[in-house]
Amino acid sequence: MGLEDFLYRIGESVYSAGAKVRAFLFPTPGERPPDFSLMKRLTKKPLTVHEFLSLRLQVAFLLYLFANLAMLLLRLNPIWITVFGGLYFLYIRYTLAKNWSFFIDPEPYRAFYYGISAVTLAAFLGYTLVRRVATSVYYYYGYLLMVFAAVMAFRWYFKQRYGRDYTYGIVEEVKGDLVRVFVHDDIAANVKPGHYWVDAVEDLAVGRVVKLLVEDRKLRGAVPIRILEVYLGQSSHSSTEPKEETE
């Protein structure tokens, strides 16, 4: 390999790396969803794109929590917590922006993960400060109460701003007086993805979209309990279909 070819390859690699960095820092909506090859092997479930994206955000947040706990135990400089938090925020922002059109109702997901991640970062940084000035265990008790109050305040705000007592499902089976519906992951209604049985109503057919009343159950999340409306349009059972169109 000549010197000219060697320098050309270096320049090409730098340009390629720069393009990837720019795409990460300034993401734009993609035309195709990720393939989720690793998650598919781990979950071994036929999840939709929307569910895989939601799962990716959940896993990223859990890893963020564990990493911060590890940094606290190792007593690393708070600067590392700040830097890692910044990188995590960039990743969350990239995941949401790049796959915006593949989420069902994406705005609540952005608000929730931005908000809870900000509270988490502030809590860990605050703990490093308390650890420096605390003269008794009551400092830690008081700080834990402050963090708990902050989490509850964010939970209240999110429910007031984005929370709702209904979700949407897709009719998969009508069996006598009961109907089985598939419900996507819905963070605004606090409903987990899955199949639910509810009482049947008129004008039901397999593939139709229904609006479902949900009931909040402590420590279990909300569950659909009754059909409120039936929409005549058919659904493709795809999480890439905007909810406005299915209605």
Protein backbone atom coordinates (compact mmCIF):
# COMPACT_ATOMS: atom_id res chain seq x y z
CA MET A 1 0.00 0.00 0.00
CA GLY A 2 1.37 3.33 -1.04
CA LEU A 3 1.53 6.42 1.17
CA GLU A 4 -1.20 8.10 -0.86
CA ASP A 5 -3.61 5.16 -0.43
CA PHE A 6 -2.79 4.99 3.28
CA LEU A 7 -3.54 8.67 3.81
CA TYR A 8 -6.71 8.36 1.74
CA ARG A 9 -8.00 5.53 3.93
CA ILE A 10 -7.22 7.50 7.08
CA GLY A 11 -9.13 10.48 5.71
CA GLU A 12 -12.05 8.28 4.72
CA SER A 13 -12.18 6.72 8.20
CA VAL A 14 -12.08 10.13 9.88
CA TYR A 15 -14.85 11.40 7.63
CA SER A 16 -16.97 8.32 8.32
CA ALA A 17 -16.44 8.66 12.08
CA GLY A 18 -17.28 12.36 11.90
CA ALA A 19 -20.49 11.62 10.01
CA LYS A 20 -21.53 9.10 12.68
CA VAL A 21 -20.80 11.58 15.45
CA ARG A 22 -22.83 14.27 13.70
CA ALA A 23 -25.72 11.83 13.20
CA PHE A 24 -25.59 10.98 16.90
CA LEU A 25 -25.44 14.59 18.08
CA PHE A 26 -28.00 15.88 15.58
CA PRO A 27 -30.36 12.97 14.89
CA THR A 28 -33.09 13.12 12.28
CA PRO A 29 -36.08 10.75 11.95
CA GLY A 30 -35.11 7.55 10.17
CA GLU A 31 -37.05 5.85 7.41
CA ARG A 32 -36.46 2.34 8.73
CA PRO A 33 -36.66 1.00 12.29
CA PRO A 34 -33.69 -0.75 13.94
CA ASP A 35 -33.47 -4.51 13.50
CA PHE A 36 -33.24 -5.27 17.26
CA SER A 37 -31.34 -8.49 16.49
CA LEU A 38 -29.85 -8.77 19.99
CA MET A 39 -33.11 -8.00 21.78
CA LYS A 40 -34.97 -10.51 19.64
CA ARG A 41 -32.53 -13.23 20.66
CA LEU A 42 -32.81 -12.30 24.33
CA THR A 43 -36.58 -11.81 24.58
CA LYS A 44 -37.65 -14.51 22.11
CA LYS A 45 -41.05 -12.82 21.88
CA PRO A 46 -42.86 -11.45 18.80
CA LEU A 47 -42.78 -7.84 19.98
CA THR A 48 -43.64 -4.92 17.73
CA VAL A 49 -41.25 -2.10 16.85
CA HIS A 50 -42.94 0.15 19.39
CA GLU A 51 -42.48 -2.41 22.16
CA PHE A 52 -38.82 -2.99 21.27
CA LEU A 53 -38.14 0.76 21.37
CA SER A 54 -39.87 1.06 24.73
CA LEU A 55 -37.86 -1.90 26.02
CA ARG A 56 -34.64 -0.31 24.77
CA LEU A 57 -35.40 2.86 26.73
CA GLN A 58 -36.18 0.85 29.87
CA VAL A 59 -32.95 -1.15 29.63
CA ALA A 60 -30.92 2.01 29.03
CA PHE A 61 -32.42 3.64 32.12
CA LEU A 62 -31.71 0.59 34.30
CA LEU A 63 -28.11 0.47 33.09
CA TYR A 64 -27.85 4.20 33.83
CA LEU A 65 -29.03 3.58 37.40
CA PHE A 66 -26.59 0.71 37.98
CA ALA A 67 -23.70 2.69 36.51
CA ASN A 68 -24.40 5.62 38.82
CA LEU A 69 -24.63 3.32 41.82
CA ALA A 70 -21.28 1.80 40.88
CA MET A 71 -19.69 5.25 40.60
CA LEU A 72 -21.04 6.17 44.03
CA LEU A 73 -19.68 2.98 45.59
CA LEU A 74 -16.30 3.59 43.96
CA ARG A 75 -16.43 7.19 45.20
CA LEU A 76 -15.52 8.58 41.82
CA ASN A 77 -15.37 12.30 41.22
CA PRO A 78 -18.88 13.76 40.58
CA ILE A 79 -17.58 14.97 37.24
CA TRP A 80 -17.75 11.37 36.01
CA ILE A 81 -21.40 11.16 37.03
CA THR A 82 -22.07 14.37 35.14
CA VAL A 83 -20.22 13.25 32.02
CA PHE A 84 -21.89 9.85 32.00
CA GLY A 85 -25.26 11.52 32.55
CA GLY A 86 -24.63 13.77 29.55
CA LEU A 87 -23.79 10.80 27.34
CA TYR A 88 -26.87 8.97 28.56
CA PHE A 89 -29.08 11.97 27.74
CA LEU A 90 -27.60 12.11 24.25
CA TYR A 91 -28.37 8.43 23.76
CA ILE A 92 -31.98 8.84 24.93
CA ARG A 93 -32.36 11.88 22.69
CA TYR A 94 -30.91 9.99 19.73
CA THR A 95 -33.15 6.95 20.26
CA LEU A 96 -36.28 9.07 20.50
CA ALA A 97 -35.50 11.43 17.63
CA LYS A 98 -34.16 8.77 15.26
CA ASN A 99 -37.20 6.52 15.78
CA TRP A 100 -39.82 9.20 16.40
CA SER A 101 -42.19 7.96 13.68
CA PHE A 102 -42.06 4.39 14.98
CA PHE A 103 -43.39 5.23 18.44
CA ILE A 104 -47.10 5.27 19.11
CA ASP A 105 -47.76 8.67 20.73
CA PRO A 106 -44.04 9.46 21.27
CA GLU A 107 -44.38 12.73 23.21
CA PRO A 108 -45.19 11.08 26.61
CA TYR A 109 -42.15 8.82 26.23
CA ARG A 110 -39.87 11.79 25.63
CA ALA A 111 -41.33 13.72 28.58
CA PHE A 112 -41.10 10.72 30.92
CA TYR A 113 -37.52 9.68 30.15
CA TYR A 114 -36.20 13.24 30.02
CA GLY A 115 -37.91 14.02 33.31
CA ILE A 116 -37.07 10.90 35.30
CA SER A 117 -33.49 10.93 34.00
CA ALA A 118 -33.05 14.55 35.10
CA VAL A 119 -34.40 13.73 38.57
CA THR A 120 -32.06 10.73 38.76
CA LEU A 121 -29.00 12.75 37.77
CA ALA A 122 -29.82 15.46 40.31
CA ALA A 123 -30.39 12.83 43.00
CA PHE A 124 -26.99 11.18 42.49
CA LEU A 125 -25.12 14.47 42.30
CA GLY A 126 -26.94 15.69 45.40
CA TYR A 127 -25.96 12.55 47.26
CA THR A 128 -22.27 13.18 46.57
CA LEU A 129 -22.72 16.63 48.13
CA VAL A 130 -24.59 15.29 51.16
CA ARG A 131 -21.88 12.69 51.68
CA ARG A 132 -19.33 15.46 52.01
CA VAL A 133 -21.21 17.59 54.53
CA ALA A 134 -23.21 15.00 56.49
CA THR A 135 -22.33 14.80 60.18
CA SER A 136 -24.99 12.25 61.12
CA VAL A 137 -27.21 9.64 59.54
CA TYR A 138 -30.18 12.03 59.71
CA TYR A 139 -28.71 14.00 56.81
CA TYR A 140 -29.14 10.92 54.64
CA TYR A 141 -32.66 10.26 55.90
CA GLY A 142 -33.64 13.82 55.13
CA TYR A 143 -32.09 13.66 51.68
CA LEU A 144 -33.89 10.39 50.86
CA LEU A 145 -37.17 12.07 51.79
CA MET A 146 -36.32 14.96 49.45
CA VAL A 147 -35.59 12.56 46.59
CA PHE A 148 -38.81 10.65 47.26
CA ALA A 149 -40.76 13.92 47.23
CA ALA A 150 -39.11 14.92 43.92
CA VAL A 151 -40.02 11.58 42.33
CA MET A 152 -43.62 11.85 43.57
CA ALA A 153 -43.84 15.43 42.28
CA PHE A 154 -42.64 14.35 38.84
CA ARG A 155 -45.07 11.42 38.88
CA TRP A 156 -47.93 13.80 39.70
CA TYR A 157 -46.89 16.23 36.97
CA PHE A 158 -46.60 13.49 34.37
CA LYS A 159 -50.02 12.06 35.21
CA GLN A 160 -51.59 15.51 35.13
CA ARG A 161 -49.94 16.46 31.84
CA TYR A 162 -49.97 13.18 29.90
CA GLY A 163 -51.88 10.62 31.93
CA ARG A 164 -55.21 9.27 30.71
CA ASP A 165 -57.67 6.59 31.73
CA TYR A 166 -58.00 5.00 28.31
CA THR A 167 -55.88 3.26 25.73
CA TYR A 168 -56.34 1.56 22.36
CA GLY A 169 -56.37 -2.08 21.40
CA ILE A 170 -56.74 -4.32 18.36
CA VAL A 171 -59.41 -7.01 18.31
CA GLU A 172 -57.82 -10.42 17.81
CA GLU A 173 -60.57 -12.82 18.80
CA VAL A 174 -64.31 -12.67 19.52
CA LYS A 175 -65.51 -15.52 21.69
CA GLY A 176 -69.15 -15.28 22.77
CA ASP A 177 -69.57 -12.44 25.24
CA LEU A 178 -65.81 -11.90 25.50
CA VAL A 179 -63.24 -10.40 23.16
CA ARG A 180 -59.47 -10.64 23.24
CA VAL A 181 -57.62 -7.44 22.37
CA PHE A 182 -53.94 -6.72 21.89
CA VAL A 183 -52.73 -3.53 23.58
CA HIS A 184 -49.42 -1.84 22.83
CA ASP A 185 -47.14 -0.51 25.55
CA ASP A 186 -48.81 2.75 26.61
CA ILE A 187 -46.84 4.83 29.09
CA ALA A 188 -49.52 7.55 29.23
CA ALA A 189 -52.16 5.04 30.38
CA ASN A 190 -49.62 2.99 32.39
CA VAL A 191 -50.61 -0.17 30.50
CA LYS A 192 -48.18 -2.98 29.77
CA PRO A 193 -48.26 -4.60 26.32
CA GLY A 194 -50.15 -7.83 26.00
CA HIS A 195 -53.48 -9.52 25.40
CA TYR A 196 -56.51 -8.73 27.52
CA TRP A 197 -60.03 -10.19 27.71
CA VAL A 198 -62.92 -7.74 28.05
CA ASP A 199 -66.69 -7.86 27.53
CA ALA A 200 -67.79 -7.78 23.91
CA VAL A 201 -69.92 -5.01 22.41
CA GLU A 202 -71.67 -4.51 19.08
CA ASP A 203 -69.92 -4.00 15.74
CA LEU A 204 -66.85 -6.00 16.72
CA ALA A 205 -64.71 -7.76 14.15
CA VAL A 206 -61.19 -9.13 14.13
CA GLY A 207 -58.72 -6.40 13.21
CA ARG A 208 -60.80 -3.46 14.37
CA VAL A 209 -59.38 -0.84 16.71
CA VAL A 210 -61.17 -0.23 20.00
CA LYS A 211 -60.86 2.43 22.67
CA LEU A 212 -60.56 0.84 26.12
CA LEU A 213 -61.23 2.18 29.60
CA VAL A 214 -58.36 1.29 31.94
CA GLU A 215 -58.35 0.83 35.70
CA ASP A 216 -55.26 1.66 37.72
CA ARG A 217 -54.19 -1.09 40.12
CA LYS A 218 -51.57 -0.42 42.75
CA LEU A 219 -48.20 -2.05 42.11
CA ARG A 220 -49.60 -3.76 38.99
CA GLY A 221 -50.13 -0.88 36.61
CA ALA A 222 -53.36 -0.24 34.77
CA VAL A 223 -55.41 -2.87 32.94
CA PRO A 224 -58.15 -2.50 30.29
CA ILE A 225 -61.59 -3.30 31.73
CA ARG A 226 -64.17 -2.15 29.18
CA ILE A 227 -64.57 -1.12 25.53
CA LEU A 228 -65.61 2.50 25.12
CA GLU A 229 -65.65 2.86 21.33
CA VAL A 230 -65.22 0.73 18.23
CA TYR A 231 -63.56 2.16 15.14
CA LEU A 232 -64.60 0.84 11.77
CA GLY A 233 -61.14 0.99 10.21
CA GLN A 234 -58.92 -2.09 10.22
CA SER A 235 -55.49 -2.15 11.84
CA SER A 236 -52.30 -3.70 10.53
CA HIS A 237 -51.29 -4.63 14.13
CA SER A 238 -48.15 -2.60 13.57
CA SER A 239 -46.67 -0.20 16.09
CA THR A 240 -45.53 1.98 13.20
CA GLU A 241 -49.10 3.01 12.46
CA PRO A 242 -49.90 6.42 14.02
CA LYS A 243 -52.74 6.27 16.49
CA GLU A 244 -54.49 9.19 14.82
CA GLU A 245 -54.92 7.09 11.70
CA THR A 246 -56.26 4.06 13.53
CA GLU A 247 -58.94 6.13 15.16
